[in-house]
Amino acid sequence: MKLFRSRTDRMLAGVLGGMAESFGVKAALLRILFVILLFSTAFFPMAILYLVFVFALPNREEY
């Protein structure tokens, strides 16, 4: 399984949409889970992780 950023299912950069496609779950579920974790970890760890994924994951059409 290869992770990627989605070009079609994106709210910000397509990270969670691409992960949802890779794992076979709904993107809304991952987004809700991400927001809950974002606020429960005082914002910074999840925000930094998201930024790492933005720059580390390729877009869907690039591979």
PDB file of N, CA and C in Angstrom:
ATOM      1  N   MET A   1       0.842  -1.167   0.000  1.00  0.00           N
ATOM      2  CA  MET A   1       0.000   0.000   0.000  1.00  0.00           C
ATOM      3  C   MET A   1       0.899   1.246   0.000  1.00  0.00           C
ATOM      4  N   LYS A   2       0.645   2.126  -0.915  1.00  0.00           N
ATOM      5  CA  LYS A   2       1.412   3.360  -1.029  1.00  0.00           C
ATOM      6  C   LYS A   2       0.515   4.533  -0.652  1.00  0.00           C
ATOM      7  N   LEU A   3       1.033   5.404   0.182  1.00  0.00           N
ATOM      8  CA  LEU A   3       0.278   6.592   0.573  1.00  0.00           C
ATOM      9  C   LEU A   3       0.520   7.706  -0.433  1.00  0.00           C
ATOM     10  N   PHE A   4      -0.486   8.514  -0.638  1.00  0.00           N
ATOM     11  CA  PHE A   4      -0.398   9.626  -1.575  1.00  0.00           C
ATOM     12  C   PHE A   4      -1.376  10.701  -1.150  1.00  0.00           C
ATOM     13  N   ARG A   5      -1.262  11.877  -1.757  1.00  0.00           N
ATOM     14  CA  ARG A   5      -2.221  12.957  -1.552  1.00  0.00           C
ATOM     15  C   ARG A   5      -3.231  12.911  -2.687  1.00  0.00           C
ATOM     16  N   SER A   6      -4.479  13.076  -2.355  1.00  0.00           N
ATOM     17  CA  SER A   6      -5.548  13.029  -3.348  1.00  0.00           C
ATOM     18  C   SER A   6      -5.646  14.354  -4.091  1.00  0.00           C
ATOM     19  N   ARG A   7      -5.937  14.280  -5.364  1.00  0.00           N
ATOM     20  CA  ARG A   7      -6.179  15.488  -6.158  1.00  0.00           C
ATOM     21  C   ARG A   7      -7.656  15.871  -6.151  1.00  0.00           C
ATOM     22  N   THR A   8      -8.547  14.913  -5.922  1.00  0.00           N
ATOM     23  CA  THR A   8      -9.980  15.184  -6.011  1.00  0.00           C
ATOM     24  C   THR A   8     -10.645  15.335  -4.649  1.00  0.00           C
ATOM     25  N   ASP A   9     -10.254  14.535  -3.668  1.00  0.00           N
ATOM     26  CA  ASP A   9     -10.881  14.552  -2.346  1.00  0.00           C
ATOM     27  C   ASP A   9      -9.977  15.316  -1.389  1.00  0.00           C
ATOM     28  N   ARG A  10     -10.000  16.647  -1.499  1.00  0.00           N
ATOM     29  CA  ARG A  10      -9.120  17.456  -0.655  1.00  0.00           C
ATOM     30  C   ARG A  10      -9.880  18.609  -0.041  1.00  0.00           C
ATOM     31  N   MET A  11      -9.506  18.882   1.197  1.00  0.00           N
ATOM     32  CA  MET A  11     -10.017  20.062   1.891  1.00  0.00           C
ATOM     33  C   MET A  11      -8.903  21.094   1.992  1.00  0.00           C
ATOM     34  N   LEU A  12      -7.710  20.633   2.314  1.00  0.00           N
ATOM     35  CA  LEU A  12      -6.569  21.512   2.449  1.00  0.00           C
ATOM     36  C   LEU A  12      -5.515  21.124   1.413  1.00  0.00           C
ATOM     37  N   ALA A  13      -4.814  20.026   1.663  1.00  0.00           N
ATOM     38  CA  ALA A  13      -3.755  19.602   0.750  1.00  0.00           C
ATOM     39  C   ALA A  13      -3.980  18.197   0.199  1.00  0.00           C
ATOM     40  N   GLY A  14      -5.051  17.536   0.598  1.00  0.00           N
ATOM     41  CA  GLY A  14      -5.357  16.212   0.079  1.00  0.00           C
ATOM     42  C   GLY A  14      -4.735  15.070   0.850  1.00  0.00           C
ATOM     43  N   VAL A  15      -4.111  15.355   1.988  1.00  0.00           N
ATOM     44  CA  VAL A  15      -3.443  14.306   2.763  1.00  0.00           C
ATOM     45  C   VAL A  15      -4.457  13.308   3.306  1.00  0.00           C
ATOM     46  N   LEU A  16      -5.466  13.782   3.988  1.00  0.00           N
ATOM     47  CA  LEU A  16      -6.441  12.877   4.600  1.00  0.00           C
ATOM     48  C   LEU A  16      -7.320  12.201   3.551  1.00  0.00           C
ATOM     49  N   GLY A  17      -7.606  12.879   2.457  1.00  0.00           N
ATOM     50  CA  GLY A  17      -8.358  12.250   1.370  1.00  0.00           C
ATOM     51  C   GLY A  17      -7.573  11.113   0.740  1.00  0.00           C
ATOM     52  N   GLY A  18      -6.286  11.310   0.538  1.00  0.00           N
ATOM     53  CA  GLY A  18      -5.436  10.255  -0.016  1.00  0.00           C
ATOM     54  C   GLY A  18      -5.286   9.087   0.934  1.00  0.00           C
ATOM     55  N   MET A  19      -5.151   9.375   2.218  1.00  0.00           N
ATOM     56  CA  MET A  19      -5.062   8.294   3.207  1.00  0.00           C
ATOM     57  C   MET A  19      -6.360   7.502   3.264  1.00  0.00           C
ATOM     58  N   ALA A  20      -7.480   8.197   3.162  1.00  0.00           N
ATOM     59  CA  ALA A  20      -8.773   7.513   3.177  1.00  0.00           C
ATOM     60  C   ALA A  20      -8.898   6.576   1.980  1.00  0.00           C
ATOM     61  N   GLU A  21      -8.456   7.019   0.805  1.00  0.00           N
ATOM     62  CA  GLU A  21      -8.489   6.155  -0.375  1.00  0.00           C
ATOM     63  C   GLU A  21      -7.572   4.952  -0.196  1.00  0.00           C
ATOM     64  N   SER A  22      -6.408   5.147   0.390  1.00  0.00           N
ATOM     65  CA  SER A  22      -5.457   4.056   0.588  1.00  0.00           C
ATOM     66  C   SER A  22      -5.959   3.028   1.585  1.00  0.00           C
ATOM     67  N   PHE A  23      -6.576   3.493   2.670  1.00  0.00           N
ATOM     68  CA  PHE A  23      -7.052   2.584   3.709  1.00  0.00           C
ATOM     69  C   PHE A  23      -8.459   2.071   3.459  1.00  0.00           C
ATOM     70  N   GLY A  24      -9.171   2.648   2.499  1.00  0.00           N
ATOM     71  CA  GLY A  24     -10.515   2.192   2.181  1.00  0.00           C
ATOM     72  C   GLY A  24     -11.566   2.632   3.189  1.00  0.00           C
ATOM     73  N   VAL A  25     -11.384   3.808   3.773  1.00  0.00           N
ATOM     74  CA  VAL A  25     -12.374   4.351   4.707  1.00  0.00           C
ATOM     75  C   VAL A  25     -12.875   5.685   4.171  1.00  0.00           C
ATOM     76  N   LYS A  26     -13.899   6.220   4.800  1.00  0.00           N
ATOM     77  CA  LYS A  26     -14.430   7.510   4.368  1.00  0.00           C
ATOM     78  C   LYS A  26     -13.526   8.635   4.848  1.00  0.00           C
ATOM     79  N   ALA A  27     -13.332   9.618   3.990  1.00  0.00           N
ATOM     80  CA  ALA A  27     -12.467  10.745   4.317  1.00  0.00           C
ATOM     81  C   ALA A  27     -13.028  11.556   5.468  1.00  0.00           C
ATOM     82  N   ALA A  28     -14.330  11.649   5.560  1.00  0.00           N
ATOM     83  CA  ALA A  28     -14.949  12.415   6.653  1.00  0.00           C
ATOM     84  C   ALA A  28     -14.593  11.818   8.013  1.00  0.00           C
ATOM     85  N   LEU A  29     -14.527  10.500   8.090  1.00  0.00           N
ATOM     86  CA  LEU A  29     -14.164   9.836   9.337  1.00  0.00           C
ATOM     87  C   LEU A  29     -12.732  10.204   9.748  1.00  0.00           C
ATOM     88  N   LEU A  30     -11.808  10.177   8.806  1.00  0.00           N
ATOM     89  CA  LEU A  30     -10.438  10.553   9.108  1.00  0.00           C
ATOM     90  C   LEU A  30     -10.322  12.028   9.478  1.00  0.00           C
ATOM     91  N   ARG A  31     -11.086  12.867   8.817  1.00  0.00           N
ATOM     92  CA  ARG A  31     -11.045  14.295   9.129  1.00  0.00           C
ATOM     93  C   ARG A  31     -11.564  14.583  10.540  1.00  0.00           C
ATOM     94  N   ILE A  32     -12.640  13.920  10.932  1.00  0.00           N
ATOM     95  CA  ILE A  32     -13.179  14.091  12.283  1.00  0.00           C
ATOM     96  C   ILE A  32     -12.175  13.593  13.314  1.00  0.00           C
ATOM     97  N   LEU A  33     -11.580  12.436  13.069  1.00  0.00           N
ATOM     98  CA  LEU A  33     -10.575  11.894  13.970  1.00  0.00           C
ATOM     99  C   LEU A  33      -9.369  12.823  14.064  1.00  0.00           C
ATOM    100  N   PHE A  34      -8.952  13.388  12.942  1.00  0.00           N
ATOM    101  CA  PHE A  34      -7.823  14.304  12.938  1.00  0.00           C
ATOM    102  C   PHE A  34      -8.115  15.554  13.758  1.00  0.00           C
ATOM    103  N   VAL A  35      -9.296  16.119  13.613  1.00  0.00           N
ATOM    104  CA  VAL A  35      -9.656  17.325  14.367  1.00  0.00           C
ATOM    105  C   VAL A  35      -9.705  17.030  15.866  1.00  0.00           C
ATOM    106  N   ILE A  36     -10.250  15.884  16.229  1.00  0.00           N
ATOM    107  CA  ILE A  36     -10.282  15.502  17.644  1.00  0.00           C
ATOM    108  C   ILE A  36      -8.862  15.374  18.191  1.00  0.00           C
ATOM    109  N   LEU A  37      -7.992  14.691  17.452  1.00  0.00           N
ATOM    110  CA  LEU A  37      -6.602  14.550  17.885  1.00  0.00           C
ATOM    111  C   LEU A  37      -5.865  15.885  17.870  1.00  0.00           C
ATOM    112  N   LEU A  38      -6.199  16.735  16.925  1.00  0.00           N
ATOM    113  CA  LEU A  38      -5.561  18.045  16.831  1.00  0.00           C
ATOM    114  C   LEU A  38      -5.796  18.859  18.104  1.00  0.00           C
ATOM    115  N   PHE A  39      -7.027  18.893  18.568  1.00  0.00           N
ATOM    116  CA  PHE A  39      -7.336  19.674  19.758  1.00  0.00           C
ATOM    117  C   PHE A  39      -6.941  18.965  21.055  1.00  0.00           C
ATOM    118  N   SER A  40      -6.940  17.636  21.053  1.00  0.00           N
ATOM    119  CA  SER A  40      -6.590  16.928  22.286  1.00  0.00           C
ATOM    120  C   SER A  40      -5.081  16.848  22.512  1.00  0.00           C
ATOM    121  N   THR A  41      -4.281  17.118  21.491  1.00  0.00           N
ATOM    122  CA  THR A  41      -2.824  17.103  21.659  1.00  0.00           C
ATOM    123  C   THR A  41      -2.246  18.511  21.644  1.00  0.00           C
ATOM    124  N   ALA A  42      -3.039  19.484  21.937  1.00  0.00           N
ATOM    125  CA  ALA A  42      -2.606  20.885  21.991  1.00  0.00           C
ATOM    126  C   ALA A  42      -2.100  21.390  20.649  1.00  0.00           C
ATOM    127  N   PHE A  43      -2.680  20.914  19.565  1.00  0.00           N
ATOM    128  CA  PHE A  43      -2.496  21.418  18.205  1.00  0.00           C
ATOM    129  C   PHE A  43      -1.157  21.083  17.551  1.00  0.00           C
ATOM    130  N   PHE A  44      -0.040  21.322  18.210  1.00  0.00           N
ATOM    131  CA  PHE A  44       1.253  21.270  17.545  1.00  0.00           C
ATOM    132  C   PHE A  44       1.697  19.902  17.020  1.00  0.00           C
ATOM    133  N   PRO A  45       1.589  18.807  17.776  1.00  0.00           N
ATOM    134  CA  PRO A  45       2.071  17.529  17.216  1.00  0.00           C
ATOM    135  C   PRO A  45       1.335  17.112  15.937  1.00  0.00           C
ATOM    136  N   MET A  46       0.018  17.245  15.937  1.00  0.00           N
ATOM    137  CA  MET A  46      -0.744  16.833  14.756  1.00  0.00           C
ATOM    138  C   MET A  46      -0.542  17.807  13.602  1.00  0.00           C
ATOM    139  N   ALA A  47      -0.406  19.090  13.894  1.00  0.00           N
ATOM    140  CA  ALA A  47      -0.174  20.074  12.837  1.00  0.00           C
ATOM    141  C   ALA A  47       1.182  19.841  12.181  1.00  0.00           C
ATOM    142  N   ILE A  48       2.191  19.537  12.967  1.00  0.00           N
ATOM    143  CA  ILE A  48       3.522  19.253  12.417  1.00  0.00           C
ATOM    144  C   ILE A  48       3.484  17.971  11.601  1.00  0.00           C
ATOM    145  N   LEU A  49       2.806  16.945  12.107  1.00  0.00           N
ATOM    146  CA  LEU A  49       2.681  15.692  11.364  1.00  0.00           C
ATOM    147  C   LEU A  49       1.983  15.912  10.022  1.00  0.00           C
ATOM    148  N   TYR A  50       0.929  16.718  10.019  1.00  0.00           N
ATOM    149  CA  TYR A  50       0.219  17.018   8.779  1.00  0.00           C
ATOM    150  C   TYR A  50       1.137  17.728   7.785  1.00  0.00           C
ATOM    151  N   LEU A  51       1.906  18.696   8.266  1.00  0.00           N
ATOM    152  CA  LEU A  51       2.841  19.411   7.385  1.00  0.00           C
ATOM    153  C   LEU A  51       3.912  18.481   6.821  1.00  0.00           C
ATOM    154  N   VAL A  52       4.383  17.549   7.617  1.00  0.00           N
ATOM    155  CA  VAL A  52       5.358  16.566   7.123  1.00  0.00           C
ATOM    156  C   VAL A  52       4.734  15.748   5.994  1.00  0.00           C
ATOM    157  N   PHE A  53       3.499  15.317   6.181  1.00  0.00           N
ATOM    158  CA  PHE A  53       2.825  14.546   5.139  1.00  0.00           C
ATOM    159  C   PHE A  53       2.574  15.370   3.879  1.00  0.00           C
ATOM    160  N   VAL A  54       2.304  16.654   4.024  1.00  0.00           N
ATOM    161  CA  VAL A  54       2.088  17.516   2.860  1.00  0.00           C
ATOM    162  C   VAL A  54       3.319  17.511   1.962  1.00  0.00           C
ATOM    163  N   PHE A  55       4.491  17.597   2.563  1.00  0.00           N
ATOM    164  CA  PHE A  55       5.713  17.669   1.771  1.00  0.00           C
ATOM    165  C   PHE A  55       6.288  16.298   1.421  1.00  0.00           C
ATOM    166  N   ALA A  56       5.951  15.261   2.188  1.00  0.00           N
ATOM    167  CA  ALA A  56       6.527  13.940   1.958  1.00  0.00           C
ATOM    168  C   ALA A  56       5.716  13.074   0.995  1.00  0.00           C
ATOM    169  N   LEU A  57       4.405  13.247   0.965  1.00  0.00           N
ATOM    170  CA  LEU A  57       3.566  12.393   0.127  1.00  0.00           C
ATOM    171  C   LEU A  57       3.413  12.983  -1.271  1.00  0.00           C
ATOM    172  N   PRO A  58       3.565  12.153  -2.296  1.00  0.00           N
ATOM    173  CA  PRO A  58       3.360  12.658  -3.666  1.00  0.00           C
ATOM    174  C   PRO A  58       1.874  12.747  -3.975  1.00  0.00           C
ATOM    175  N   ASN A  59       1.541  13.520  -4.985  1.00  0.00           N
ATOM    176  CA  ASN A  59       0.162  13.560  -5.470  1.00  0.00           C
ATOM    177  C   ASN A  59      -0.155  12.246  -6.160  1.00  0.00           C
ATOM    178  N   ARG A  60      -1.416  11.921  -6.314  1.00  0.00           N
ATOM    179  CA  ARG A  60      -1.869  10.644  -6.871  1.00  0.00           C
ATOM    180  C   ARG A  60      -1.309  10.392  -8.270  1.00  0.00           C
ATOM    181  N   GLU A  61      -1.253  11.375  -9.146  1.00  0.00           N
ATOM    182  CA  GLU A  61      -0.830  11.165 -10.538  1.00  0.00           C
ATOM    183  C   GLU A  61       0.684  11.089 -10.712  1.00  0.00           C
ATOM    184  N   GLU A  62       1.456  11.351  -9.678  1.00  0.00           N
ATOM    185  CA  GLU A  62       2.900  11.421  -9.829  1.00  0.00           C
ATOM    186  C   GLU A  62       3.612  10.090  -9.795  1.00  0.00           C
ATOM    187  N   TYR A  63       2.939   8.994  -9.522  1.00  0.00           N
ATOM    188  CA  TYR A  63       3.637   7.706  -9.510  1.00  0.00           C
ATOM    189  C   TYR A  63       2.926   6.715 -10.380  1.00  0.00           C
TER     190      TYR A  63
END
